[in-house]
C-alpha atoms as a PDB file:
ATOM      1  CA  MET A   1       0.001  -0.034  -0.116  1.00  0.00           C
ATOM      2  CA  ASN A   2       1.227   3.427  -1.036  1.00  0.00           C
ATOM      3  CA  MET A   3       1.890   5.902   1.833  1.00  0.00           C
ATOM      4  CA  THR A   4       0.345   9.527   1.550  1.00  0.00           C
ATOM      5  CA  THR A   5       2.744  12.139   3.133  1.00  0.00           C
ATOM      6  CA  PRO A   6       0.516  14.688   4.220  1.00  0.00           C
ATOM      7  CA  GLU A   7       0.567  18.482   2.512  1.00  0.00           C
ATOM      8  CA  THR A   8       2.791  20.728   4.488  1.00  0.00           C
ATOM      9  CA  ILE A   9       2.252  24.264   4.505  1.00  0.00           C
ATOM     10  CA  TRP A  10       4.577  26.921   6.073  1.00  0.00           C
ATOM     11  CA  GLU A  11       3.412  30.482   7.166  1.00  0.00           C
ATOM     12  CA  TYR A  12       4.926  33.391   8.593  1.00  0.00           C
ATOM     13  CA  SER A  13       3.223  37.046   8.578  1.00  0.00           C
ATOM     14  CA  LYS A  14       2.007  40.350  10.648  1.00  0.00           C
ATOM     15  CA  THR A  15      -1.435  37.866  11.008  1.00  0.00           C
ATOM     16  CA  THR A  16      -0.024  34.728  12.359  1.00  0.00           C
ATOM     17  CA  GLU A  17       2.538  36.549  14.693  1.00  0.00           C
ATOM     18  CA  ALA A  18      -0.513  38.766  15.984  1.00  0.00           C
ATOM     19  CA  ARG A  19      -2.547  35.699  16.900  1.00  0.00           C
ATOM     20  CA  ARG A  20      -0.088  33.797  18.153  1.00  0.00           C
ATOM     21  CA  TYR A  21       1.082  36.669  20.567  1.00  0.00           C
ATOM     22  CA  CYS A  22      -2.911  36.813  21.114  1.00  0.00           C
ATOM     23  CA  THR A  23      -2.837  32.928  22.039  1.00  0.00           C
ATOM     24  CA  VAL A  24      -0.028  33.290  24.296  1.00  0.00           C
ATOM     25  CA  ALA A  25      -1.625  36.191  26.631  1.00  0.00           C
ATOM     26  CA  ARG A  26      -4.819  34.332  26.465  1.00  0.00           C
ATOM     27  CA  THR A  27      -2.901  31.230  27.903  1.00  0.00           C
ATOM     28  CA  ILE A  28      -0.852  33.512  30.808  1.00  0.00           C
ATOM     29  CA  GLN A  29      -4.714  34.897  31.760  1.00  0.00           C
ATOM     30  CA  SER A  30      -5.862  31.111  32.323  1.00  0.00           C
ATOM     31  CA  TYR A  31      -2.620  30.414  34.453  1.00  0.00           C
ATOM     32  CA  PHE A  32      -1.868  27.441  32.448  1.00  0.00           C
ATOM     33  CA  PHE A  33       1.905  28.587  32.309  1.00  0.00           C
ATOM     34  CA  GLN A  34       1.873  29.273  35.716  1.00  0.00           C
ATOM     35  CA  THR A  35       0.379  26.004  37.231  1.00  0.00           C
ATOM     36  CA  LYS A  36       2.446  24.077  34.491  1.00  0.00           C
ATOM     37  CA  GLY A  37       5.558  25.400  35.447  1.00  0.00           C
ATOM     38  CA  PHE A  38       6.708  26.918  32.453  1.00  0.00           C
ATOM     39  CA  LEU A  39       8.822  30.317  32.788  1.00  0.00           C
ATOM     40  CA  VAL A  40       7.192  33.384  31.297  1.00  0.00           C
ATOM     41  CA  LEU A  41       9.810  36.071  30.202  1.00  0.00           C
ATOM     42  CA  PRO A  42       9.851  39.110  28.410  1.00  0.00           C
ATOM     43  CA  LYS A  43      13.040  38.494  26.631  1.00  0.00           C
ATOM     44  CA  PRO A  44      14.351  34.966  25.021  1.00  0.00           C
ATOM     45  CA  GLU A  45      16.540  32.960  26.772  1.00  0.00           C
ATOM     46  CA  THR A  46      18.959  30.287  26.007  1.00  0.00           C
ATOM     47  CA  TYR A  47      16.823  27.291  24.360  1.00  0.00           C
ATOM     48  CA  ASP A  48      15.172  25.590  26.755  1.00  0.00           C
ATOM     49  CA  VAL A  49      11.161  24.177  26.520  1.00  0.00           C
ATOM     50  CA  SER A  50      10.220  25.397  29.739  1.00  0.00           C
ATOM     51  CA  SER A  51      10.744  29.115  28.660  1.00  0.00           C
ATOM     52  CA  VAL A  52       7.604  31.412  27.045  1.00  0.00           C
ATOM     53  CA  TYR A  53       8.892  34.212  25.267  1.00  0.00           C
ATOM     54  CA  PHE A  54       6.267  37.120  25.769  1.00  0.00           C
ATOM     55  CA  PRO A  55       7.871  40.245  24.949  1.00  0.00           C
ATOM     56  CA  ASN A  56       6.536  43.684  26.623  1.00  0.00           C
ATOM     57  CA  LEU A  57       4.794  45.447  23.627  1.00  0.00           C
ATOM     58  CA  PRO A  58       3.165  48.643  24.092  1.00  0.00           C
ATOM     59  CA  ILE A  59      -0.264  47.281  23.649  1.00  0.00           C
ATOM     60  CA  ILE A  60      -0.478  45.015  26.673  1.00  0.00           C
ATOM     61  CA  HIS A  61      -0.563  48.254  28.480  1.00  0.00           C
ATOM     62  CA  HIS A  62      -3.684  49.960  26.950  1.00  0.00           C
ATOM     63  CA  LYS A  63      -6.268  49.546  29.607  1.00  0.00           C
ATOM     64  CA  ASP A  64      -8.983  47.259  27.416  1.00  0.00           C
ATOM     65  CA  PHE A  65      -6.067  44.880  26.284  1.00  0.00           C
ATOM     66  CA  TRP A  66      -6.802  41.862  28.827  1.00  0.00           C
ATOM     67  CA  GLN A  67     -10.203  42.432  28.480  1.00  0.00           C
ATOM     68  CA  LYS A  68     -10.570  41.769  24.728  1.00  0.00           C
ATOM     69  CA  ILE A  69      -7.919  38.686  25.340  1.00  0.00           C
ATOM     70  CA  GLU A  70     -10.790  37.397  27.693  1.00  0.00           C
ATOM     71  CA  THR A  71     -12.949  36.589  24.428  1.00  0.00           C
ATOM     72  CA  PHE A  72     -10.097  35.919  21.970  1.00  0.00           C
ATOM     73  CA  ASP A  73     -10.929  32.458  20.133  1.00  0.00           C
ATOM     74  CA  GLN A  74      -7.456  31.021  19.074  1.00  0.00           C
ATOM     75  CA  TYR A  75      -9.817  28.468  17.387  1.00  0.00           C
ATOM     76  CA  ASN A  76     -11.618  30.761  15.091  1.00  0.00           C
ATOM     77  CA  GLU A  77      -9.464  31.136  11.577  1.00  0.00           C
ATOM     78  CA  THR A  78     -11.979  32.074  10.153  1.00  0.00           C
ATOM     79  CA  THR A  79     -12.815  35.910  11.248  1.00  0.00           C
ATOM     80  CA  GLN A  80     -10.402  38.587  12.262  1.00  0.00           C
ATOM     81  CA  GLN A  81     -10.855  39.389  15.577  1.00  0.00           C
ATOM     82  CA  GLN A  82     -10.291  42.984  16.594  1.00  0.00           C
ATOM     83  CA  VAL A  83      -7.934  42.330  19.117  1.00  0.00           C
ATOM     84  CA  VAL A  84      -5.574  40.627  16.346  1.00  0.00           C
ATOM     85  CA  LYS A  85      -6.130  43.623  14.311  1.00  0.00           C
ATOM     86  CA  ASP A  86      -4.731  45.676  17.017  1.00  0.00           C
ATOM     87  CA  VAL A  87      -1.724  43.637  17.761  1.00  0.00           C
ATOM     88  CA  GLU A  88      -0.756  43.681  14.415  1.00  0.00           C
ATOM     89  CA  GLU A  89       0.417  47.323  14.765  1.00  0.00           C
ATOM     90  CA  PHE A  90       2.900  46.738  17.287  1.00  0.00           C
ATOM     91  CA  ILE A  91       4.428  43.570  15.497  1.00  0.00           C
ATOM     92  CA  THR A  92       7.967  43.270  13.838  1.00  0.00           C
ATOM     93  CA  LEU A  93       8.697  40.651  11.333  1.00  0.00           C
ATOM     94  CA  ALA A  94      12.238  38.871  11.492  1.00  0.00           C
ATOM     95  CA  GLN A  95      13.573  36.100   8.956  1.00  0.00           C
ATOM     96  CA  PRO A  96      12.192  33.004   9.750  1.00  0.00           C
ATOM     97  CA  PRO A  97      15.402  30.261  10.411  1.00  0.00           C
ATOM     98  CA  GLU A  98      15.573  28.422   7.087  1.00  0.00           C
ATOM     99  CA  GLU A  99      17.078  25.515   8.974  1.00  0.00           C
ATOM    100  CA  GLN A 100      13.784  24.594  10.748  1.00  0.00           C
ATOM    101  CA  LYS A 101      12.200  24.170   7.445  1.00  0.00           C
ATOM    102  CA  THR A 102      15.153  22.334   5.527  1.00  0.00           C
ATOM    103  CA  SER A 103      15.691  19.855   8.511  1.00  0.00           C
ATOM    104  CA  TRP A 104      12.070  18.616   8.540  1.00  0.00           C
ATOM    105  CA  GLN A 105      11.877  18.536   4.863  1.00  0.00           C
ATOM    106  CA  HIS A 106      14.766  15.960   5.190  1.00  0.00           C
ATOM    107  CA  ILE A 107      12.960  13.865   7.639  1.00  0.00           C
ATOM    108  CA  GLU A 108       9.310  14.266   6.928  1.00  0.00           C
ATOM    109  CA  LYS A 109       8.719  11.245   4.678  1.00  0.00           C
ATOM    110  CA  ASP A 110      10.674   8.825   7.269  1.00  0.00           C
ATOM    111  CA  PHE A 111       8.454  10.393  10.334  1.00  0.00           C
ATOM    112  CA  TRP A 112       4.966  10.058   8.286  1.00  0.00           C
ATOM    113  CA  ALA A 113       6.102   6.773   7.338  1.00  0.00           C
ATOM    114  CA  TYR A 114       7.089   6.212  11.226  1.00  0.00           C
ATOM    115  CA  MET A 115       3.017   7.151  12.155  1.00  0.00           C
ATOM    116  CA  SER A 116       1.519   4.877   9.452  1.00  0.00           C
ATOM    117  CA  THR A 117       3.476   2.096  10.504  1.00  0.00           C
ATOM    118  CA  PHE A 118       3.220   2.409  14.379  1.00  0.00           C
ATOM    119  CA  LEU A 119       0.453   4.909  14.886  1.00  0.00           C
ATOM    120  CA  PRO A 120      -1.952   4.635  11.907  1.00  0.00           C
ATOM    121  CA  VAL A 121      -4.693   5.582  14.402  1.00  0.00           C
ATOM    122  CA  LEU A 122      -3.137   9.083  14.624  1.00  0.00           C
ATOM    123  CA  TYR A 123      -1.825   8.958  10.736  1.00  0.00           C
ATOM    124  CA  ASP A 124      -5.200   8.621   9.450  1.00  0.00           C
ATOM    125  CA  ARG A 125      -6.643  11.723  10.788  1.00  0.00           C
ATOM    126  CA  ILE A 126      -4.416  14.131   9.243  1.00  0.00           C
ATOM    127  CA  ASP A 127      -4.188  15.047   5.164  1.00  0.00           C
ATOM    128  CA  ARG A 128      -2.752  18.719   5.655  1.00  0.00           C
ATOM    129  CA  LEU A 129      -0.041  20.245   8.106  1.00  0.00           C
ATOM    130  CA  VAL A 130       0.376  23.667   8.803  1.00  0.00           C
ATOM    131  CA  ILE A 131       3.695  24.844  10.352  1.00  0.00           C
ATOM    132  CA  ARG A 132       3.831  28.665  11.834  1.00  0.00           C
ATOM    133  CA  GLN A 133       7.236  30.045  12.525  1.00  0.00           C
ATOM    134  CA  THR A 134       7.043  32.327  15.328  1.00  0.00           C
ATOM    135  CA  GLN A 135       8.615  34.494  17.741  1.00  0.00           C
ATOM    136  CA  PHE A 136       6.885  33.988  20.432  1.00  0.00           C
ATOM    137  CA  GLY A 137       5.589  31.445  23.425  1.00  0.00           C
ATOM    138  CA  THR A 138       6.524  27.890  23.756  1.00  0.00           C
ATOM    139  CA  VAL A 139       9.215  26.328  21.735  1.00  0.00           C
ATOM    140  CA  SER A 140       5.881  24.626  19.800  1.00  0.00           C
ATOM    141  CA  SER A 141       2.549  24.137  20.453  1.00  0.00           C
ATOM    142  CA  SER A 142      -0.576  23.094  18.190  1.00  0.00           C
ATOM    143  CA  ILE A 143      -3.271  25.090  17.119  1.00  0.00           C
ATOM    144  CA  GLY A 144      -7.025  24.025  18.086  1.00  0.00           C
ATOM    145  CA  ARG A 145      -7.847  20.584  17.217  1.00  0.00           C
ATOM    146  CA  ILE A 146      -8.276  18.882  13.759  1.00  0.00           C
ATOM    147  CA  HIS A 147     -11.713  18.627  12.337  1.00  0.00           C
ATOM    148  CA  LYS A 148     -13.341  15.333  10.489  1.00  0.00           C
ATOM    149  CA  LYS A 149     -13.988  17.935   7.292  1.00  0.00           C
ATOM    150  CA  ASP A 150     -10.937  19.995   7.594  1.00  0.00           C
ATOM    151  CA  ARG A 151      -8.045  17.487   8.373  1.00  0.00           C
ATOM    152  CA  THR A 152      -5.617  20.001   9.040  1.00  0.00           C
ATOM    153  CA  LEU A 153      -3.403  20.262  12.079  1.00  0.00           C
ATOM    154  CA  ARG A 154      -1.980  23.996  12.685  1.00  0.00           C
ATOM    155  CA  LEU A 155       1.147  24.294  15.031  1.00  0.00           C
ATOM    156  CA  SER A 156       3.647  26.777  15.532  1.00  0.00           C
ATOM    157  CA  ILE A 157       7.496  26.140  16.477  1.00  0.00           C
ATOM    158  CA  ARG A 158       9.536  28.803  17.862  1.00  0.00           C
ATOM    159  CA  PHE A 159      12.405  30.476  15.796  1.00  0.00           C
ATOM    160  CA  ASP A 160      15.026  28.963  18.488  1.00  0.00           C
ATOM    161  CA  ALA A 161      13.407  25.469  18.775  1.00  0.00           C
ATOM    162  CA  ASP A 162      14.918  22.280  18.060  1.00  0.00           C
ATOM    163  CA  PHE A 163      12.972  21.059  14.527  1.00  0.00           C
ATOM    164  CA  SER A 164      12.202  17.961  16.619  1.00  0.00           C
ATOM    165  CA  HIS A 165       9.444  20.044  18.701  1.00  0.00           C
ATOM    166  CA  ILE A 166       7.297  20.041  15.349  1.00  0.00           C
ATOM    167  CA  ALA A 167       6.944  16.327  15.859  1.00  0.00           C
ATOM    168  CA  SER A 168       6.312  16.763  19.338  1.00  0.00           C
ATOM    169  CA  ALA A 169       3.163  19.568  18.870  1.00  0.00           C
ATOM    170  CA  ILE A 170       1.908  16.847  16.186  1.00  0.00           C
ATOM    171  CA  PHE A 171       1.485  14.364  18.595  1.00  0.00           C
ATOM    172  CA  ILE A 172      -0.177  16.612  21.066  1.00  0.00           C
ATOM    173  CA  GLY A 173      -2.347  18.324  18.288  1.00  0.00           C
ATOM    174  CA  LEU A 174      -3.674  14.691  17.399  1.00  0.00           C
ATOM    175  CA  THR A 175      -4.379  13.942  20.683  1.00  0.00           C
ATOM    176  CA  SER A 176      -6.458  16.740  21.917  1.00  0.00           C
ATOM    177  CA  GLU A 177      -7.847  16.076  25.130  1.00  0.00           C
ATOM    178  CA  THR A 178     -11.117  18.230  23.948  1.00  0.00           C
ATOM    179  CA  ASP A 179     -11.703  16.637  20.553  1.00  0.00           C
ATOM    180  CA  PRO A 180     -13.855  13.350  21.242  1.00  0.00           C
ATOM    181  CA  HIS A 181     -12.546  11.131  17.843  1.00  0.00           C
ATOM    182  CA  SER A 182      -8.945  11.574  19.594  1.00  0.00           C
ATOM    183  CA  PRO A 183      -7.592   8.210  20.854  1.00  0.00           C
ATOM    184  CA  LEU A 184      -6.302  10.258  23.894  1.00  0.00           C
ATOM    185  CA  TYR A 185      -9.886  12.153  24.367  1.00  0.00           C
ATOM    186  CA  GLY A 186     -10.426  13.354  28.177  1.00  0.00           C
ATOM    187  CA  HIS A 187      -6.907  12.659  29.153  1.00  0.00           C
ATOM    188  CA  THR A 188      -4.909  15.741  30.536  1.00  0.00           C
ATOM    189  CA  TRP A 189      -2.036  17.923  29.033  1.00  0.00           C
ATOM    190  CA  GLU A 190       0.686  16.158  31.173  1.00  0.00           C
ATOM    191  CA  GLU A 191      -0.726  12.658  30.222  1.00  0.00           C
ATOM    192  CA  ARG A 192      -0.619  13.420  26.415  1.00  0.00           C
ATOM    193  CA  GLN A 193       3.093  15.326  26.515  1.00  0.00           C
ATOM    194  CA  SER A 194       4.670  12.823  28.390  1.00  0.00           C
ATOM    195  CA  ILE A 195       3.527   9.972  26.147  1.00  0.00           C
ATOM    196  CA  GLY A 196       4.966  12.302  23.388  1.00  0.00           C
ATOM    197  CA  ASP A 197       8.135  12.419  25.186  1.00  0.00           C
ATOM    198  CA  PHE A 198       8.387   9.044  25.483  1.00  0.00           C
ATOM    199  CA  LEU A 199       7.671   8.268  21.871  1.00  0.00           C
ATOM    200  CA  MET A 200      10.596  10.856  20.515  1.00  0.00           C
ATOM    201  CA  ASN A 201      12.971   9.960  23.252  1.00  0.00           C
ATOM    202  CA  HIS A 202      12.607   5.989  23.445  1.00  0.00           C
ATOM    203  CA  THR A 203      11.360   4.532  20.190  1.00  0.00           C
ATOM    204  CA  LEU A 204      12.777   4.005  16.689  1.00  0.00           C
ATOM    205  CA  ILE A 205      11.473   7.670  16.233  1.00  0.00           C
ATOM    206  CA  LYS A 206      14.493   8.741  18.212  1.00  0.00           C
ATOM    207  CA  SER A 207      16.899   8.364  15.365  1.00  0.00           C
ATOM    208  CA  LEU A 208      15.717  11.315  13.484  1.00  0.00           C
ATOM    209  CA  PHE A 209      15.211  13.634  16.766  1.00  0.00           C
ATOM    210  CA  PRO A 210      18.735  13.347  18.327  1.00  0.00           C
ATOM    211  CA  HIS A 211      18.912  16.789  20.117  1.00  0.00           C
ATOM    212  CA  HIS A 212      15.015  16.547  21.200  1.00  0.00           C
ATOM    213  CA  GLN A 213      14.517  17.832  24.879  1.00  0.00           C
ATOM    214  CA  PRO A 214      11.295  16.175  26.917  1.00  0.00           C
ATOM    215  CA  THR A 215       8.895  18.849  27.762  1.00  0.00           C
ATOM    216  CA  VAL A 216       7.666  17.325  31.128  1.00  0.00           C
ATOM    217  CA  LYS A 217      10.584  16.167  32.696  1.00  0.00           C
ATOM    218  CA  THR A 218      12.198  19.539  31.949  1.00  0.00           C
ATOM    219  CA  ILE A 219       9.816  21.799  33.367  1.00  0.00           C
ATOM    220  CA  ARG A 220       9.127  19.407  36.545  1.00  0.00           C
ATOM    221  CA  HIS A 221      13.309  19.694  37.199  1.00  0.00           C
ATOM    222  CA  GLU A 222      14.310  22.366  39.770  1.00  0.00           C
ATOM    223  CA  LEU A 223      14.993  25.418  37.273  1.00  0.00           C
ATOM    224  CA  PRO A 224      17.377  28.435  37.894  1.00  0.00           C
ATOM    225  CA  LYS A 225      16.302  30.714  40.617  1.00  0.00           C
ATOM    226  CA  ASN A 226      17.176  33.905  38.840  1.00  0.00           C
ATOM    227  CA  LEU A 227      14.937  32.787  35.780  1.00  0.00           C
ATOM    228  CA  ARG A 228      11.832  31.319  38.410  1.00  0.00           C
ATOM    229  CA  ALA A 229      12.279  34.952  39.914  1.00  0.00           C
ATOM    230  CA  ALA A 230      12.322  36.965  36.712  1.00  0.00           C
ATOM    231  CA  SER A 231       9.162  35.238  35.481  1.00  0.00           C
ATOM    232  CA  GLN A 232       7.281  36.029  38.918  1.00  0.00           C
ATOM    233  CA  HIS A 233       8.238  39.369  38.589  1.00  0.00           C
ATOM    234  CA  TYR A 234       7.367  39.724  34.985  1.00  0.00           C
ATOM    235  CA  LEU A 235       3.772  38.143  35.539  1.00  0.00           C
ATOM    236  CA  THR A 236       3.589  40.182  38.634  1.00  0.00           C
ATOM    237  CA  GLU A 237       4.218  43.259  36.417  1.00  0.00           C
ATOM    238  CA  LEU A 238       1.280  41.939  33.742  1.00  0.00           C
ATOM    239  CA  GLY A 239      -1.070  42.021  36.643  1.00  0.00           C
ATOM    240  CA  PHE A 240      -0.792  38.147  37.326  1.00  0.00           C
ATOM    241  CA  PRO A 241       1.254  37.450  40.342  1.00  0.00           C
ATOM    242  CA  PRO A 242       1.655  33.978  42.502  1.00  0.00           C
ATOM    243  CA  LYS A 243      -1.593  33.485  44.124  1.00  0.00           C
ATOM    244  CA  GLN A 244      -3.997  30.704  44.908  1.00  0.00           C
ATOM    245  CA  LEU A 245      -6.736  31.117  42.673  1.00  0.00           C
ATOM    246  CA  ILE A 246      -9.379  29.061  44.592  1.00  0.00           C
ATOM    247  CA  THR A 247     -10.600  30.534  47.779  1.00  0.00           C
ATOM    248  CA  ILE A 248     -13.771  30.349  50.163  1.00  0.00           C
ATOM    249  CA  ASN A 249     -15.425  33.630  51.011  1.00  0.00           C
ATOM    250  CA  ASP A 250     -17.272  34.339  54.722  1.00  0.00           C
ATOM    251  CA  HIS A 251     -20.643  32.886  52.745  1.00  0.00           C
ATOM    252  CA  LYS A 252     -18.562  29.496  52.323  1.00  0.00           C
ATOM    253  CA  GLN A 253     -18.591  30.520  48.483  1.00  0.00           C
ATOM    254  CA  VAL A 254     -16.050  29.020  46.239  1.00  0.00           C
ATOM    255  CA  LEU A 255     -14.377  31.679  44.151  1.00  0.00           C
ATOM    256  CA  VAL A 256     -11.913  31.279  41.389  1.00  0.00           C
ATOM    257  CA  ASN A 257      -9.885  33.765  40.591  1.00  0.00           C
ATOM    258  CA  GLN A 258     -12.100  35.968  42.377  1.00  0.00           C
ATOM    259  CA  LYS A 259     -15.231  34.980  40.744  1.00  0.00           C
ATOM    260  CA  CYS A 260     -18.122  33.250  42.470  1.00  0.00           C
ATOM    261  CA  LEU A 261     -19.001  29.875  41.140  1.00  0.00           C
ATOM    262  CA  PRO A 262     -22.699  28.609  41.187  1.00  0.00           C
ATOM    263  CA  LEU A 263     -22.089  25.369  42.507  1.00  0.00           C
ATOM    264  CA  SER A 264     -24.989  23.102  43.501  1.00  0.00           C
ATOM    265  CA  THR A 265     -24.802  21.117  46.754  1.00  0.00           C
ATOM    266  CA  THR A 266     -23.076  18.235  45.467  1.00  0.00           C
ATOM    267  CA  GLU A 267     -20.352  20.370  43.413  1.00  0.00           C
ATOM    268  CA  HIS A 268     -19.887  21.987  46.601  1.00  0.00           C
ATOM    269  CA  LYS A 269     -18.946  19.157  49.044  1.00  0.00           C
ATOM    270  CA  VAL A 270     -16.746  17.934  46.235  1.00  0.00           C
ATOM    271  CA  PHE A 271     -14.913  21.292  45.322  1.00  0.00           C
ATOM    272  CA  SER A 272     -14.311  21.670  48.932  1.00  0.00           C
ATOM    273  CA  LEU A 273     -12.883  18.617  49.647  1.00  0.00           C
ATOM    274  CA  PHE A 274     -10.558  19.390  47.057  1.00  0.00           C
ATOM    275  CA  ILE A 275      -9.718  22.951  48.601  1.00  0.00           C
ATOM    276  CA  GLU A 276      -9.502  21.187  52.098  1.00  0.00           C
ATOM    277  CA  LYS A 277      -6.710  19.043  50.566  1.00  0.00           C
ATOM    278  CA  ARG A 278      -5.183  21.439  47.918  1.00  0.00           C
ATOM    279  CA  ASN A 279      -1.860  19.973  46.162  1.00  0.00           C
ATOM    280  CA  GLN A 280      -2.858  16.694  47.697  1.00  0.00           C
ATOM    281  CA  ILE A 281      -4.255  13.364  46.375  1.00  0.00           C
ATOM    282  CA  VAL A 282      -8.415  13.034  46.774  1.00  0.00           C
ATOM    283  CA  THR A 283      -9.124   9.449  45.930  1.00  0.00           C
ATOM    284  CA  PRO A 284     -12.466   8.335  44.700  1.00  0.00           C
ATOM    285  CA  ALA A 285     -13.316   6.703  48.483  1.00  0.00           C
ATOM    286  CA  GLU A 286     -12.688  10.010  49.952  1.00  0.00           C
ATOM    287  CA  ILE A 287     -15.317  11.695  47.318  1.00  0.00           C
ATOM    288  CA  ALA A 288     -17.550   8.776  47.862  1.00  0.00           C
ATOM    289  CA  GLN A 289     -17.409   9.258  51.552  1.00  0.00           C
ATOM    290  CA  GLU A 290     -18.070  13.324  51.502  1.00  0.00           C
ATOM    291  CA  LEU A 291     -21.038  12.651  49.146  1.00  0.00           C
ATOM    292  CA  TRP A 292     -22.916   9.392  50.227  1.00  0.00           C
ATOM    293  CA  GLN A 293     -21.284   9.110  53.953  1.00  0.00           C
ATOM    294  CA  ASP A 294     -22.784   5.911  55.512  1.00  0.00           C
ATOM    295  CA  GLN A 295     -23.699   4.868  52.330  1.00  0.00           C
ATOM    296  CA  SER A 296     -20.916   5.472  50.341  1.00  0.00           C
ATOM    297  CA  TYR A 297     -20.216   1.909  49.692  1.00  0.00           C
ATOM    298  CA  GLU A 298     -23.649   1.180  48.282  1.00  0.00           C
ATOM    299  CA  ARG A 299     -23.878   3.972  46.461  1.00  0.00           C
ATOM    300  CA  PHE A 300     -20.295   4.281  45.347  1.00  0.00           C
ATOM    301  CA  SER A 301     -19.858   5.292  41.306  1.00  0.00           C
ATOM    302  CA  LEU A 302     -16.826   6.027  39.401  1.00  0.00           C
ATOM    303  CA  TYR A 303     -19.287   7.507  36.847  1.00  0.00           C
ATOM    304  CA  ALA A 304     -21.076   9.223  39.145  1.00  0.00           C
ATOM    305  CA  ILE A 305     -17.906  11.211  40.740  1.00  0.00           C
ATOM    306  CA  ALA A 306     -16.154  11.651  36.915  1.00  0.00           C
ATOM    307  CA  LYS A 307     -19.601  13.621  35.935  1.00  0.00           C
ATOM    308  CA  VAL A 308     -18.974  15.791  39.494  1.00  0.00           C
ATOM    309  CA  VAL A 309     -15.351  16.401  38.557  1.00  0.00           C
ATOM    310  CA  GLU A 310     -16.426  17.120  35.043  1.00  0.00           C
ATOM    311  CA  ARG A 311     -18.893  19.735  35.719  1.00  0.00           C
ATOM    312  CA  LEU A 312     -16.518  21.550  38.154  1.00  0.00           C
ATOM    313  CA  ARG A 313     -13.808  21.717  35.539  1.00  0.00           C
ATOM    314  CA  LYS A 314     -16.381  23.524  33.471  1.00  0.00           C
ATOM    315  CA  HIS A 315     -17.311  25.848  35.872  1.00  0.00           C
ATOM    316  CA  ILE A 316     -13.328  26.717  36.108  1.00  0.00           C
ATOM    317  CA  GLN A 317     -13.442  26.834  32.169  1.00  0.00           C
ATOM    318  CA  ASN A 318     -16.308  29.393  32.239  1.00  0.00           C
ATOM    319  CA  VAL A 319     -14.597  31.828  34.547  1.00  0.00           C
ATOM    320  CA  GLY A 320     -11.191  31.908  31.939  1.00  0.00           C
ATOM    321  CA  ILE A 321      -8.910  29.504  34.037  1.00  0.00           C
ATOM    322  CA  TYR A 322      -7.274  26.650  32.714  1.00  0.00           C
ATOM    323  CA  THR A 323      -9.238  23.298  33.768  1.00  0.00           C
ATOM    324  CA  GLY A 324      -6.507  21.213  34.421  1.00  0.00           C
ATOM    325  CA  LEU A 325      -6.104  22.776  38.033  1.00  0.00           C
ATOM    326  CA  ILE A 326      -8.091  19.887  38.655  1.00  0.00           C
ATOM    327  CA  GLU A 327      -5.932  16.937  37.646  1.00  0.00           C
ATOM    328  CA  THR A 328      -6.487  13.441  37.130  1.00  0.00           C
ATOM    329  CA  ARG A 329      -4.176  10.834  38.515  1.00  0.00           C
ATOM    330  CA  ARG A 330      -4.826   7.964  36.715  1.00  0.00           C
ATOM    331  CA  GLY A 331      -5.274   4.993  39.426  1.00  0.00           C
ATOM    332  CA  GLN A 332      -5.414   7.437  41.880  1.00  0.00           C
ATOM    333  CA  GLY A 333      -7.451  10.208  42.138  1.00  0.00           C
ATOM    334  CA  PHE A 334      -7.487  14.147  41.786  1.00  0.00           C
ATOM    335  CA  VAL A 335      -5.495  16.632  42.765  1.00  0.00           C
ATOM    336  CA  LEU A 336      -6.011  20.506  43.050  1.00  0.00           C
ATOM    337  CA  ASN A 337      -3.198  22.274  42.017  1.00  0.00           C
ATOM    338  CA  ASP A 338      -3.305  25.391  43.268  1.00  0.00           C
END
């Protein structure tokens, strides 16, 4: 059977850069980078997968910028959003590194051959790959999720990144946790990224990417204190200081980023338990005890518990915060990372 290599399109323009800048701003605002251990910095540092480049452009000091970012939709590629047009005026284009492109073209047939042979469930989902080189953000990132009709995966790769991170972003993009057609639907970012890291560093594909730096292992290691301090200082200047995002007020209401959540009695019980055991594993048995008490054994239901947690994540998402604050630990339970 003949293998078809997905079409690859390379993009770089003021519009793609403005969209990338807005996406990074929205991700900062959702506290994703902060909860996952990334370092948000105004200037590029030595190449490191833990760094996020977000330059201090004048527009971020405009009074309505962050308000517009709250409604920015990074997945909407069909209409030009006003905040993207605003950012474009402050973008200065640079020369994208040709080496990323030539290095990828040199191995892309071998990469897709590997995918078709060993990961056909992923390979069969894509017809077209759009690669956007960028000055901003993480070393690489998938952009939205792949659609059945479109069958196009969009990703970004930062100028200073090793080209191997194109492949890493492909794995993440084809296994989106919000895509019901994804083989890893419902899995956390850490789980999907760890699988991608394993494939890149411990399987046959490693020979194509000898200089790949694993993401999860790197951000979980102790990072230089001066860079950690610089990141926290910069985020504080931007209006996102280190803080506990989830609190309970005097009226026993649960607040996320100072916004009250409309919780049901059941949801409130579970969320209060998570807050009580913040940054610790809460087992399904503990949740069952909280919900059903003396009848916890008879009424125990993993499905019911999972649905409650799903609703809590939806509440968090509705106030603009990354839903991974409540992390699933497979075979153990849940952790409120705050």
